[in-house]
PDB file of N, CA and C in Angstrom:
ATOM      1  N   UNK A   1      50.286  75.219 118.642  1.00  0.00           N
ATOM      2  CA  UNK A   1      50.991  74.216 119.407  1.00  0.00           C
ATOM      3  C   UNK A   1      52.332  73.888 118.760  1.00  0.00           C
ATOM      4  N   UNK A   2      52.355  73.829 117.449  1.00  0.00           N
ATOM      5  CA  UNK A   2      53.594  73.521 116.741  1.00  0.00           C
ATOM      6  C   UNK A   2      54.640  74.595 117.009  1.00  0.00           C
ATOM      7  N   UNK A   3      54.203  75.864 117.069  1.00  0.00           N
ATOM      8  CA  UNK A   3      55.137  76.963 117.328  1.00  0.00           C
ATOM      9  C   UNK A   3      55.749  76.815 118.717  1.00  0.00           C
ATOM     10  N   UNK A   4      54.938  76.418 119.698  1.00  0.00           N
ATOM     11  CA  UNK A   4      55.446  76.242 121.056  1.00  0.00           C
ATOM     12  C   UNK A   4      56.499  75.144 121.093  1.00  0.00           C
ATOM     13  N   UNK A   5      56.263  74.058 120.374  1.00  0.00           N
ATOM     14  CA  UNK A   5      57.239  72.970 120.332  1.00  0.00           C
ATOM     15  C   UNK A   5      58.544  73.427 119.704  1.00  0.00           C
ATOM     16  N   UNK A   6      58.458  74.273 118.679  1.00  0.00           N
ATOM     17  CA  UNK A   6      59.673  74.801 118.050  1.00  0.00           C
ATOM     18  C   UNK A   6      60.438  75.675 119.036  1.00  0.00           C
ATOM     19  N   UNK A   7      59.716  76.525 119.757  1.00  0.00           N
ATOM     20  CA  UNK A   7      60.359  77.418 120.714  1.00  0.00           C
ATOM     21  C   UNK A   7      60.986  76.640 121.862  1.00  0.00           C
ATOM     22  N   UNK A   8      60.374  75.538 122.257  1.00  0.00           N
ATOM     23  CA  UNK A   8      60.880  74.735 123.372  1.00  0.00           C
ATOM     24  C   UNK A   8      62.265  74.164 123.072  1.00  0.00           C
ATOM     25  N   UNK A   9      62.605  74.043 121.813  1.00  0.00           N
ATOM     26  CA  UNK A   9      63.901  73.471 121.421  1.00  0.00           C
ATOM     27  C   UNK A   9      65.021  74.515 121.396  1.00  0.00           C
ATOM     28  N   UNK A  10      64.672  75.782 121.466  1.00  0.00           N
ATOM     29  CA  UNK A  10      65.669  76.849 121.360  1.00  0.00           C
ATOM     30  C   UNK A  10      66.233  77.209 122.729  1.00  0.00           C
ATOM     31  N   UNK A  11      67.464  77.697 122.738  1.00  0.00           N
ATOM     32  CA  UNK A  11      68.080  78.125 123.996  1.00  0.00           C
ATOM     33  C   UNK A  11      67.479  79.460 124.432  1.00  0.00           C
ATOM     34  N   UNK A  12      67.667  79.782 125.707  1.00  0.00           N
ATOM     35  CA  UNK A  12      67.168  81.045 126.247  1.00  0.00           C
ATOM     36  C   UNK A  12      67.800  82.216 125.498  1.00  0.00           C
ATOM     37  N   UNK A  13      69.088  82.133 125.211  1.00  0.00           N
ATOM     38  CA  UNK A  13      69.770  83.201 124.484  1.00  0.00           C
ATOM     39  C   UNK A  13      69.156  83.405 123.102  1.00  0.00           C
ATOM     40  N   UNK A  14      68.892  82.325 122.397  1.00  0.00           N
ATOM     41  CA  UNK A  14      68.284  82.424 121.063  1.00  0.00           C
ATOM     42  C   UNK A  14      66.882  83.018 121.173  1.00  0.00           C
ATOM     43  N   UNK A  15      66.119  82.594 122.174  1.00  0.00           N
ATOM     44  CA  UNK A  15      64.769  83.147 122.365  1.00  0.00           C
ATOM     45  C   UNK A  15      64.824  84.651 122.622  1.00  0.00           C
ATOM     46  N   UNK A  16      65.741  85.064 123.483  1.00  0.00           N
ATOM     47  CA  UNK A  16      65.863  86.504 123.787  1.00  0.00           C
ATOM     48  C   UNK A  16      66.304  87.294 122.556  1.00  0.00           C
ATOM     49  N   UNK A  17      67.237  86.743 121.792  1.00  0.00           N
ATOM     50  CA  UNK A  17      67.682  87.418 120.566  1.00  0.00           C
ATOM     51  C   UNK A  17      66.549  87.522 119.550  1.00  0.00           C
ATOM     52  N   UNK A  18      65.765  86.457 119.432  1.00  0.00           N
ATOM     53  CA  UNK A  18      64.629  86.476 118.503  1.00  0.00           C
ATOM     54  C   UNK A  18      63.614  87.535 118.943  1.00  0.00           C
ATOM     55  N   UNK A  19      63.366  87.605 120.244  1.00  0.00           N
ATOM     56  CA  UNK A  19      62.432  88.606 120.772  1.00  0.00           C
ATOM     57  C   UNK A  19      62.931  90.019 120.466  1.00  0.00           C
ATOM     58  N   UNK A  20      64.212  90.273 120.687  1.00  0.00           N
ATOM     59  CA  UNK A  20      64.768  91.600 120.407  1.00  0.00           C
ATOM     60  C   UNK A  20      64.659  91.935 118.924  1.00  0.00           C
ATOM     61  N   UNK A  21      64.891  90.941 118.077  1.00  0.00           N
ATOM     62  CA  UNK A  21      64.748  91.159 116.635  1.00  0.00           C
ATOM     63  C   UNK A  21      63.327  91.525 116.258  1.00  0.00           C
ATOM     64  N   UNK A  22      62.358  90.857 116.877  1.00  0.00           N
ATOM     65  CA  UNK A  22      60.950  91.174 116.604  1.00  0.00           C
ATOM     66  C   UNK A  22      60.595  92.569 117.103  1.00  0.00           C
ATOM     67  N   UNK A  23      61.132  92.953 118.254  1.00  0.00           N
ATOM     68  CA  UNK A  23      60.862  94.295 118.783  1.00  0.00           C
ATOM     69  C   UNK A  23      61.396  95.373 117.840  1.00  0.00           C
ATOM     70  N   UNK A  24      62.525  95.098 117.202  1.00  0.00           N
ATOM     71  CA  UNK A  24      63.089  96.067 116.255  1.00  0.00           C
ATOM     72  C   UNK A  24      62.240  96.202 114.996  1.00  0.00           C
ATOM     73  N   UNK A  25      61.401  95.200 114.730  1.00  0.00           N
ATOM     74  CA  UNK A  25      60.518  95.257 113.563  1.00  0.00           C
ATOM     75  C   UNK A  25      59.277  96.109 113.821  1.00  0.00           C
ATOM     76  N   UNK A  26      59.174  96.675 115.002  1.00  0.00           N
ATOM     77  CA  UNK A  26      58.026  97.511 115.349  1.00  0.00           C
ATOM     78  C   UNK A  26      58.444  98.977 115.352  1.00  0.00           C
ATOM     79  N   UNK A  27      58.662  99.567 114.180  1.00  0.00           N
ATOM     80  CA  UNK A  27      59.096 100.965 114.131  1.00  0.00           C
ATOM     81  C   UNK A  27      58.001 101.888 114.642  1.00  0.00           C
ATOM     82  N   UNK A  28      58.382 102.928 115.400  1.00  0.00           N
ATOM     83  CA  UNK A  28      57.384 103.843 115.976  1.00  0.00           C
ATOM     84  C   UNK A  28      56.461 104.461 114.933  1.00  0.00           C
ATOM     85  N   UNK A  29      56.968 104.788 113.760  1.00  0.00           N
ATOM     86  CA  UNK A  29      56.127 105.387 112.721  1.00  0.00           C
ATOM     87  C   UNK A  29      55.018 104.461 112.278  1.00  0.00           C
ATOM     88  N   UNK A  30      55.328 103.173 112.200  1.00  0.00           N
ATOM     89  CA  UNK A  30      54.323 102.206 111.775  1.00  0.00           C
ATOM     90  C   UNK A  30      53.254 102.034 112.848  1.00  0.00           C
ATOM     91  N   UNK A  31      53.660 102.004 114.093  1.00  0.00           N
ATOM     92  CA  UNK A  31      52.699 101.848 115.188  1.00  0.00           C
ATOM     93  C   UNK A  31      51.798 103.076 115.271  1.00  0.00           C
ATOM     94  N   UNK A  32      52.350 104.229 114.979  1.00  0.00           N
ATOM     95  CA  UNK A  32      51.588 105.476 115.061  1.00  0.00           C
ATOM     96  C   UNK A  32      50.422 105.492 114.073  1.00  0.00           C
ATOM     97  N   UNK A  33      50.547 104.829 112.927  1.00  0.00           N
ATOM     98  CA  UNK A  33      49.504 104.842 111.889  1.00  0.00           C
ATOM     99  C   UNK A  33      48.596 103.618 111.925  1.00  0.00           C
ATOM    100  N   UNK A  34      48.713 102.809 112.950  1.00  0.00           N
ATOM    101  CA  UNK A  34      47.999 101.535 113.013  1.00  0.00           C
ATOM    102  C   UNK A  34      46.485 101.735 113.033  1.00  0.00           C
ATOM    103  N   UNK A  35      45.782 100.880 112.299  1.00  0.00           N
ATOM    104  CA  UNK A  35      44.313 100.904 112.271  1.00  0.00           C
ATOM    105  C   UNK A  35      43.796  99.478 112.283  1.00  0.00           C
ATOM    106  N   UNK A  36      42.903  99.189 113.216  1.00  0.00           N
ATOM    107  CA  UNK A  36      42.263  97.875 113.240  1.00  0.00           C
ATOM    108  C   UNK A  36      40.914  98.012 112.571  1.00  0.00           C
ATOM    109  N   UNK A  37      40.596  97.090 111.712  1.00  0.00           N
ATOM    110  CA  UNK A  37      39.291  97.113 111.066  1.00  0.00           C
ATOM    111  C   UNK A  37      39.333  96.514 109.679  1.00  0.00           C
ATOM    112  N   UNK A  38      38.186  96.585 109.031  1.00  0.00           N
ATOM    113  CA  UNK A  38      38.039  96.073 107.669  1.00  0.00           C
ATOM    114  C   UNK A  38      37.617  97.210 106.760  1.00  0.00           C
ATOM    115  N   UNK A  39      38.207  97.251 105.598  1.00  0.00           N
ATOM    116  CA  UNK A  39      37.880  98.268 104.616  1.00  0.00           C
ATOM    117  C   UNK A  39      36.963  97.645 103.575  1.00  0.00           C
ATOM    118  N   UNK A  40      35.799  98.251 103.387  1.00  0.00           N
ATOM    119  CA  UNK A  40      34.851  97.720 102.403  1.00  0.00           C
ATOM    120  C   UNK A  40      34.427  98.817 101.441  1.00  0.00           C
ATOM    121  N   UNK A  41      34.174  98.392 100.229  1.00  0.00           N
ATOM    122  CA  UNK A  41      33.708  99.286  99.171  1.00  0.00           C
ATOM    123  C   UNK A  41      32.199  99.098  99.053  1.00  0.00           C
ATOM    124  N   UNK A  42      31.472 100.211  99.079  1.00  0.00           N
ATOM    125  CA  UNK A  42      30.016 100.114  99.007  1.00  0.00           C
ATOM    126  C   UNK A  42      29.481 101.038  97.917  1.00  0.00           C
ATOM    127  N   UNK A  43      28.379 100.622  97.339  1.00  0.00           N
ATOM    128  CA  UNK A  43      27.646 101.435  96.374  1.00  0.00           C
ATOM    129  C   UNK A  43      26.263 101.637  96.970  1.00  0.00           C
ATOM    130  N   UNK A  44      25.853 102.892  97.096  1.00  0.00           N
ATOM    131  CA  UNK A  44      24.661 103.226  97.873  1.00  0.00           C
ATOM    132  C   UNK A  44      23.544 103.828  97.034  1.00  0.00           C
ATOM    133  N   UNK A  45      22.348 103.780  97.602  1.00  0.00           N
ATOM    134  CA  UNK A  45      21.196 104.486  97.029  1.00  0.00           C
ATOM    135  C   UNK A  45      20.835 105.618  97.973  1.00  0.00           C
ATOM    136  N   UNK A  46      20.385 106.737  97.394  1.00  0.00           N
ATOM    137  CA  UNK A  46      20.068 107.903  98.219  1.00  0.00           C
ATOM    138  C   UNK A  46      18.593 107.973  98.609  1.00  0.00           C
ATOM    139  N   UNK A  47      17.741 107.284  97.877  1.00  0.00           N
ATOM    140  CA  UNK A  47      16.320 107.271  98.216  1.00  0.00           C
ATOM    141  C   UNK A  47      15.471 108.259  97.434  1.00  0.00           C
ATOM    142  N   UNK A  48      16.093 109.131  96.646  1.00  0.00           N
ATOM    143  CA  UNK A  48      15.316 110.078  95.842  1.00  0.00           C
ATOM    144  C   UNK A  48      14.715 109.332  94.648  1.00  0.00           C
ATOM    145  N   UNK A  49      13.401 109.452  94.428  1.00  0.00           N
ATOM    146  CA  UNK A  49      12.744 108.685  93.358  1.00  0.00           C
ATOM    147  C   UNK A  49      13.284 108.979  91.957  1.00  0.00           C
ATOM    148  N   UNK A  50      13.679 110.206  91.658  1.00  0.00           N
ATOM    149  CA  UNK A  50      14.133 110.556  90.318  1.00  0.00           C
ATOM    150  C   UNK A  50      15.620 110.358  90.092  1.00  0.00           C
ATOM    151  N   UNK A  51      16.339 109.915  91.089  1.00  0.00           N
ATOM    152  CA  UNK A  51      17.796 109.776  90.980  1.00  0.00           C
ATOM    153  C   UNK A  51      18.165 108.528  90.176  1.00  0.00           C
ATOM    154  N   UNK A  52      19.350 108.571  89.577  1.00  0.00           N
ATOM    155  CA  UNK A  52      19.839 107.439  88.786  1.00  0.00           C
ATOM    156  C   UNK A  52      19.974 106.174  89.630  1.00  0.00           C
ATOM    157  N   UNK A  53      20.208 106.342  90.947  1.00  0.00           N
ATOM    158  CA  UNK A  53      20.371 105.156  91.795  1.00  0.00           C
ATOM    159  C   UNK A  53      19.046 104.407  91.966  1.00  0.00           C
ATOM    160  N   UNK A  54      17.927 105.097  91.751  1.00  0.00           N
ATOM    161  CA  UNK A  54      16.622 104.433  91.828  1.00  0.00           C
ATOM    162  C   UNK A  54      16.433 103.477  90.649  1.00  0.00           C
ATOM    163  N   UNK A  55      17.180 103.711  89.577  1.00  0.00           N
ATOM    164  CA  UNK A  55      17.106 102.840  88.396  1.00  0.00           C
ATOM    165  C   UNK A  55      18.213 101.778  88.408  1.00  0.00           C
ATOM    166  N   UNK A  56      18.919 101.673  89.503  1.00  0.00           N
ATOM    167  CA  UNK A  56      19.937 100.627  89.634  1.00  0.00           C
ATOM    168  C   UNK A  56      21.369 101.096  89.515  1.00  0.00           C
ATOM    169  N   UNK A  57      21.604 102.346  89.108  1.00  0.00           N
ATOM    170  CA  UNK A  57      22.966 102.867  88.964  1.00  0.00           C
ATOM    171  C   UNK A  57      23.348 103.568  90.273  1.00  0.00           C
ATOM    172  N   UNK A  58      23.885 102.823  91.189  1.00  0.00           N
ATOM    173  CA  UNK A  58      24.125 103.316  92.546  1.00  0.00           C
ATOM    174  C   UNK A  58      25.268 104.324  92.622  1.00  0.00           C
ATOM    175  N   UNK A  59      25.260 105.100  93.705  1.00  0.00           N
ATOM    176  CA  UNK A  59      26.330 106.062  93.980  1.00  0.00           C
ATOM    177  C   UNK A  59      27.534 105.321  94.556  1.00  0.00           C
ATOM    178  N   UNK A  60      28.705 105.781  94.198  1.00  0.00           N
ATOM    179  CA  UNK A  60      29.885 105.171  94.792  1.00  0.00           C
ATOM    180  C   UNK A  60      31.018 105.066  93.802  1.00  0.00           C
ATOM    181  N   UNK A  61      32.076 104.457  94.204  1.00  0.00           N
ATOM    182  CA  UNK A  61      32.188 103.709  95.453  1.00  0.00           C
ATOM    183  C   UNK A  61      32.372 104.621  96.661  1.00  0.00           C
ATOM    184  N   UNK A  62      31.858 104.162  97.777  1.00  0.00           N
ATOM    185  CA  UNK A  62      32.068 104.797  99.075  1.00  0.00           C
ATOM    186  C   UNK A  62      32.842 103.777  99.899  1.00  0.00           C
ATOM    187  N   UNK A  63      33.964 104.193 100.463  1.00  0.00           N
ATOM    188  CA  UNK A  63      34.790 103.295 101.263  1.00  0.00           C
ATOM    189  C   UNK A  63      34.430 103.456 102.725  1.00  0.00           C
ATOM    190  N   UNK A  64      34.413 102.346 103.438  1.00  0.00           N
ATOM    191  CA  UNK A  64      33.936 102.310 104.806  1.00  0.00           C
ATOM    192  C   UNK A  64      34.899 101.484 105.651  1.00  0.00           C
ATOM    193  N   UNK A  65      35.334 102.052 106.781  1.00  0.00           N
ATOM    194  CA  UNK A  65      36.169 101.328 107.739  1.00  0.00           C
ATOM    195  C   UNK A  65      35.266 100.835 108.853  1.00  0.00           C
ATOM    196  N   UNK A  66      35.184  99.524 109.003  1.00  0.00           N
ATOM    197  CA  UNK A  66      34.317  98.892 109.990  1.00  0.00           C
ATOM    198  C   UNK A  66      35.177  98.214 111.053  1.00  0.00           C
ATOM    199  N   UNK A  67      34.801  98.400 112.330  1.00  0.00           N
ATOM    200  CA  UNK A  67      35.578  97.854 113.438  1.00  0.00           C
ATOM    201  C   UNK A  67      34.649  97.138 114.410  1.00  0.00           C
ATOM    202  N   UNK A  68      35.017  95.920 114.805  1.00  0.00           N
ATOM    203  CA  UNK A  68      34.272  95.184 115.828  1.00  0.00           C
ATOM    204  C   UNK A  68      34.724  95.667 117.197  1.00  0.00           C
ATOM    205  N   UNK A  69      33.766  96.101 118.013  1.00  0.00           N
ATOM    206  CA  UNK A  69      34.082  96.528 119.374  1.00  0.00           C
ATOM    207  C   UNK A  69      34.025  95.336 120.323  1.00  0.00           C
ATOM    208  N   UNK A  70      33.061  94.479 120.117  1.00  0.00           N
ATOM    209  CA  UNK A  70      32.941  93.209 120.822  1.00  0.00           C
ATOM    210  C   UNK A  70      32.079  92.308 119.949  1.00  0.00           C
ATOM    211  N   UNK A  71      31.611  91.202 120.481  1.00  0.00           N
ATOM    212  CA  UNK A  71      30.894  90.245 119.638  1.00  0.00           C
ATOM    213  C   UNK A  71      29.583  90.780 119.086  1.00  0.00           C
ATOM    214  N   UNK A  72      28.982  91.745 119.750  1.00  0.00           N
ATOM    215  CA  UNK A  72      27.676  92.210 119.281  1.00  0.00           C
ATOM    216  C   UNK A  72      27.654  93.678 118.854  1.00  0.00           C
ATOM    217  N   UNK A  73      28.780  94.360 118.918  1.00  0.00           N
ATOM    218  CA  UNK A  73      28.799  95.779 118.560  1.00  0.00           C
ATOM    219  C   UNK A  73      29.886  96.073 117.535  1.00  0.00           C
ATOM    220  N   UNK A  74      29.509  96.859 116.539  1.00  0.00           N
ATOM    221  CA  UNK A  74      30.441  97.309 115.502  1.00  0.00           C
ATOM    222  C   UNK A  74      30.301  98.823 115.365  1.00  0.00           C
ATOM    223  N   UNK A  75      31.356  99.429 114.907  1.00  0.00           N
ATOM    224  CA  UNK A  75      31.314 100.844 114.585  1.00  0.00           C
ATOM    225  C   UNK A  75      32.064 101.033 113.276  1.00  0.00           C
ATOM    226  N   UNK A  76      31.852 102.160 112.663  1.00  0.00           N
ATOM    227  CA  UNK A  76      32.530 102.395 111.402  1.00  0.00           C
ATOM    228  C   UNK A  76      32.465 103.847 110.998  1.00  0.00           C
ATOM    229  N   UNK A  77      33.216 104.141 109.975  1.00  0.00           N
ATOM    230  CA  UNK A  77      33.252 105.498 109.449  1.00  0.00           C
ATOM    231  C   UNK A  77      33.570 105.445 107.967  1.00  0.00           C
ATOM    232  N   UNK A  78      33.067 106.426 107.247  1.00  0.00           N
ATOM    233  CA  UNK A  78      33.414 106.508 105.830  1.00  0.00           C
ATOM    234  C   UNK A  78      34.847 107.013 105.705  1.00  0.00           C
ATOM    235  N   UNK A  79      35.495 106.602 104.644  1.00  0.00           N
ATOM    236  CA  UNK A  79      36.886 106.978 104.405  1.00  0.00           C
ATOM    237  C   UNK A  79      36.925 107.845 103.156  1.00  0.00           C
ATOM    238  N   UNK A  80      37.381 109.098 103.289  1.00  0.00           N
ATOM    239  CA  UNK A  80      37.509 109.947 102.105  1.00  0.00           C
ATOM    240  C   UNK A  80      38.499 109.339 101.110  1.00  0.00           C
ATOM    241  N   UNK A  81      38.242 109.526  99.843  1.00  0.00           N
ATOM    242  CA  UNK A  81      39.075 108.941  98.783  1.00  0.00           C
ATOM    243  C   UNK A  81      40.541 109.332  98.929  1.00  0.00           C
ATOM    244  N   UNK A  82      40.817 110.563  99.373  1.00  0.00           N
ATOM    245  CA  UNK A  82      42.205 111.005  99.495  1.00  0.00           C
ATOM    246  C   UNK A  82      42.928 110.366 100.688  1.00  0.00           C
ATOM    247  N   UNK A  83      42.206 109.679 101.570  1.00  0.00           N
ATOM    248  CA  UNK A  83      42.828 109.005 102.713  1.00  0.00           C
ATOM    249  C   UNK A  83      42.803 107.479 102.576  1.00  0.00           C
ATOM    250  N   UNK A  84      42.321 106.990 101.463  1.00  0.00           N
ATOM    251  CA  UNK A  84      42.148 105.552 101.265  1.00  0.00           C
ATOM    252  C   UNK A  84      43.463 104.786 101.389  1.00  0.00           C
ATOM    253  N   UNK A  85      44.518 105.251 100.747  1.00  0.00           N
ATOM    254  CA  UNK A  85      45.807 104.549 100.809  1.00  0.00           C
ATOM    255  C   UNK A  85      46.388 104.585 102.215  1.00  0.00           C
ATOM    256  N   UNK A  86      46.227 105.696 102.912  1.00  0.00           N
ATOM    257  CA  UNK A  86      46.706 105.803 104.288  1.00  0.00           C
ATOM    258  C   UNK A  86      45.979 104.793 105.183  1.00  0.00           C
ATOM    259  N   UNK A  87      44.676 104.656 104.992  1.00  0.00           N
ATOM    260  CA  UNK A  87      43.890 103.692 105.767  1.00  0.00           C
ATOM    261  C   UNK A  87      44.336 102.269 105.436  1.00  0.00           C
ATOM    262  N   UNK A  88      44.561 101.975 104.173  1.00  0.00           N
ATOM    263  CA  UNK A  88      45.047 100.640 103.788  1.00  0.00           C
ATOM    264  C   UNK A  88      46.384 100.329 104.450  1.00  0.00           C
ATOM    265  N   UNK A  89      47.288 101.305 104.441  1.00  0.00           N
ATOM    266  CA  UNK A  89      48.591 101.108 105.090  1.00  0.00           C
ATOM    267  C   UNK A  89      48.423 100.886 106.591  1.00  0.00           C
ATOM    268  N   UNK A  90      47.504 101.626 107.210  1.00  0.00           N
ATOM    269  CA  UNK A  90      47.253 101.467 108.645  1.00  0.00           C
ATOM    270  C   UNK A  90      46.735 100.085 108.992  1.00  0.00           C
ATOM    271  N   UNK A  91      45.857  99.548 108.158  1.00  0.00           N
ATOM    272  CA  UNK A  91      45.324  98.195 108.378  1.00  0.00           C
ATOM    273  C   UNK A  91      46.425  97.153 108.178  1.00  0.00           C
ATOM    274  N   UNK A  92      47.237  97.323 107.139  1.00  0.00           N
ATOM    275  CA  UNK A  92      48.364  96.405 106.912  1.00  0.00           C
ATOM    276  C   UNK A  92      49.339  96.458 108.085  1.00  0.00           C
ATOM    277  N   UNK A  93      49.595  97.665 108.604  1.00  0.00           N
ATOM    278  CA  UNK A  93      50.475  97.815 109.766  1.00  0.00           C
ATOM    279  C   UNK A  93      49.911  97.070 110.965  1.00  0.00           C
ATOM    280  N   UNK A  94      48.607  97.174 111.157  1.00  0.00           N
ATOM    281  CA  UNK A  94      47.969  96.484 112.277  1.00  0.00           C
ATOM    282  C   UNK A  94      48.212  94.975 112.183  1.00  0.00           C
ATOM    283  N   UNK A  95      48.023  94.405 111.005  1.00  0.00           N
ATOM    284  CA  UNK A  95      48.212  92.963 110.847  1.00  0.00           C
ATOM    285  C   UNK A  95      49.674  92.564 111.064  1.00  0.00           C
ATOM    286  N   UNK A  96      50.594  93.377 110.551  1.00  0.00           N
ATOM    287  CA  UNK A  96      52.018  93.087 110.730  1.00  0.00           C
ATOM    288  C   UNK A  96      52.402  93.159 112.207  1.00  0.00           C
ATOM    289  N   UNK A  97      51.993  94.241 112.867  1.00  0.00           N
ATOM    290  CA  UNK A  97      52.328  94.439 114.276  1.00  0.00           C
ATOM    291  C   UNK A  97      51.682  93.352 115.130  1.00  0.00           C
ATOM    292  N   UNK A  98      50.435  92.997 114.837  1.00  0.00           N
ATOM    293  CA  UNK A  98      49.748  91.946 115.603  1.00  0.00           C
ATOM    294  C   UNK A  98      50.492  90.623 115.505  1.00  0.00           C
ATOM    295  N   UNK A  99      50.958  90.307 114.313  1.00  0.00           N
ATOM    296  CA  UNK A  99      51.705  89.063 114.116  1.00  0.00           C
ATOM    297  C   UNK A  99      52.996  89.074 114.925  1.00  0.00           C
ATOM    298  N   UNK A 100      53.713  90.201 114.899  1.00  0.00           N
ATOM    299  CA  UNK A 100      54.957  90.303 115.662  1.00  0.00           C
ATOM    300  C   UNK A 100      54.679  90.220 117.161  1.00  0.00           C
ATOM    301  N   UNK A 101      53.626  90.883 117.631  1.00  0.00           N
ATOM    302  CA  UNK A 101      53.297  90.843 119.053  1.00  0.00           C
ATOM    303  C   UNK A 101      52.921  89.428 119.495  1.00  0.00           C
ATOM    304  N   UNK A 102      52.226  88.700 118.655  1.00  0.00           N
ATOM    305  CA  UNK A 102      51.868  87.316 118.979  1.00  0.00           C
ATOM    306  C   UNK A 102      53.129  86.461 119.102  1.00  0.00           C
ATOM    307  N   UNK A 103      54.087  86.663 118.205  1.00  0.00           N
ATOM    308  CA  UNK A 103      55.343  85.911 118.273  1.00  0.00           C
ATOM    309  C   UNK A 103      56.131  86.275 119.530  1.00  0.00           C
ATOM    310  N   UNK A 104      56.158  87.576 119.872  1.00  0.00           N
ATOM    311  CA  UNK A 104      56.846  88.016 121.087  1.00  0.00           C
ATOM    312  C   UNK A 104      56.178  87.394 122.311  1.00  0.00           C
ATOM    313  N   UNK A 105      54.857  87.363 122.321  1.00  0.00           N
ATOM    314  CA  UNK A 105      54.122  86.757 123.429  1.00  0.00           C
ATOM    315  C   UNK A 105      54.447  85.267 123.555  1.00  0.00           C
ATOM    316  N   UNK A 106      54.525  84.558 122.434  1.00  0.00           N
ATOM    317  CA  UNK A 106      54.882  83.135 122.460  1.00  0.00           C
ATOM    318  C   UNK A 106      56.266  82.934 123.080  1.00  0.00           C
ATOM    319  N   UNK A 107      57.207  83.773 122.681  1.00  0.00           N
ATOM    320  CA  UNK A 107      58.567  83.684 123.223  1.00  0.00           C
ATOM    321  C   UNK A 107      58.555  83.972 124.716  1.00  0.00           C
ATOM    322  N   UNK A 108      57.840  85.011 125.134  1.00  0.00           N
ATOM    323  CA  UNK A 108      57.788  85.355 126.554  1.00  0.00           C
ATOM    324  C   UNK A 108      57.154  84.240 127.385  1.00  0.00           C
ATOM    325  N   UNK A 109      56.124  83.570 126.844  1.00  0.00           N
ATOM    326  CA  UNK A 109      55.524  82.436 127.558  1.00  0.00           C
ATOM    327  C   UNK A 109      56.527  81.300 127.717  1.00  0.00           C
ATOM    328  N   UNK A 110      57.294  81.047 126.665  1.00  0.00           N
ATOM    329  CA  UNK A 110      58.305  79.986 126.746  1.00  0.00           C
ATOM    330  C   UNK A 110      59.379  80.347 127.768  1.00  0.00           C
ATOM    331  N   UNK A 111      59.814  81.604 127.784  1.00  0.00           N
ATOM    332  CA  UNK A 111      60.810  82.031 128.771  1.00  0.00           C
ATOM    333  C   UNK A 111      60.245  81.929 130.188  1.00  0.00           C
ATOM    334  N   UNK A 112      58.990  82.269 130.371  1.00  0.00           N
ATOM    335  CA  UNK A 112      58.342  82.156 131.680  1.00  0.00           C
ATOM    336  C   UNK A 112      58.272  80.692 132.108  1.00  0.00           C
ATOM    337  N   UNK A 113      57.896  79.829 131.181  1.00  0.00           N
ATOM    338  CA  UNK A 113      57.810  78.398 131.486  1.00  0.00           C
ATOM    339  C   UNK A 113      59.166  77.868 131.953  1.00  0.00           C
ATOM    340  N   UNK A 114      60.223  78.314 131.294  1.00  0.00           N
ATOM    341  CA  UNK A 114      61.560  77.850 131.673  1.00  0.00           C
ATOM    342  C   UNK A 114      62.015  78.442 132.993  1.00  0.00           C
ATOM    343  N   UNK A 115      61.617  79.663 133.291  1.00  0.00           N
ATOM    344  CA  UNK A 115      62.023  80.315 134.536  1.00  0.00           C
ATOM    345  C   UNK A 115      61.413  79.617 135.747  1.00  0.00           C
ATOM    346  N   UNK A 116      60.271  78.971 135.549  1.00  0.00           N
ATOM    347  CA  UNK A 116      59.620  78.259 136.648  1.00  0.00           C
ATOM    348  C   UNK A 116      60.364  76.982 137.001  1.00  0.00           C
ATOM    349  N   UNK A 117      61.218  76.518 136.125  1.00  0.00           N
ATOM    350  CA  UNK A 117      61.993  75.314 136.381  1.00  0.00           C
ATOM    351  C   UNK A 117      61.249  74.067 135.966  1.00  0.00           C
ATOM    352  N   UNK A 118      61.918  72.929 136.090  1.00  0.00           N
ATOM    353  CA  UNK A 118      61.280  71.671 135.680  1.00  0.00           C
ATOM    354  C   UNK A 118      60.114  71.324 136.606  1.00  0.00           C
ATOM    355  N   UNK A 119      59.127  70.684 136.043  1.00  0.00           N
ATOM    356  CA  UNK A 119      57.974  70.260 136.842  1.00  0.00           C
ATOM    357  C   UNK A 119      58.363  69.071 137.713  1.00  0.00           C
ATOM    358  N   UNK A 120      57.825  69.096 138.901  1.00  0.00           N
ATOM    359  CA  UNK A 120      58.062  67.971 139.806  1.00  0.00           C
ATOM    360  C   UNK A 120      56.948  66.963 139.635  1.00  0.00           C
ATOM    361  N   UNK A 121      57.288  65.717 139.787  1.00  0.00           N
ATOM    362  CA  UNK A 121      56.269  64.664 139.707  1.00  0.00           C
ATOM    363  C   UNK A 121      55.381  64.754 140.944  1.00  0.00           C
ATOM    364  N   UNK A 122      54.101  64.663 140.743  1.00  0.00           N
ATOM    365  CA  UNK A 122      53.165  64.710 141.871  1.00  0.00           C
ATOM    366  C   UNK A 122      53.168  63.380 142.615  1.00  0.00           C
ATOM    367  N   UNK A 123      53.057  63.491 143.901  1.00  0.00           N
ATOM    368  CA  UNK A 123      52.932  62.274 144.716  1.00  0.00           C
ATOM    369  C   UNK A 123      51.501  61.786 144.623  1.00  0.00           C
ATOM    370  N   UNK A 124      51.321  60.520 144.396  1.00  0.00           N
ATOM    371  CA  UNK A 124      49.978  59.954 144.300  1.00  0.00           C
ATOM    372  C   UNK A 124      49.460  59.522 145.604  1.00  0.00           C
TER     373      UNK A 124
END
């Protein structure tokens, strides 16, 4: 709500310029590598009775990318060690791009509100 109040004080020209500036912050290369999800480090047991993991020394770390599909469904995949940094960059890109898109959306809502004109008082 505070962001909307700040935007309401800006001129249409300033809002449009701010929107264009945010759009320029979305480089195609960054969008191309975007990944939504959470990266977790796991240590696993294999289930073999004679293995070291049966005595508490688990295998790992194994990195896992987990993604929520909706409120009750998740999916995920293991991440090879040689792709770990790429996955981290993709997740960081997702958060950066999401933040910029949210700001662009806020600006567009404010511009839409202004395009509708002033509200008329309702007759009682």
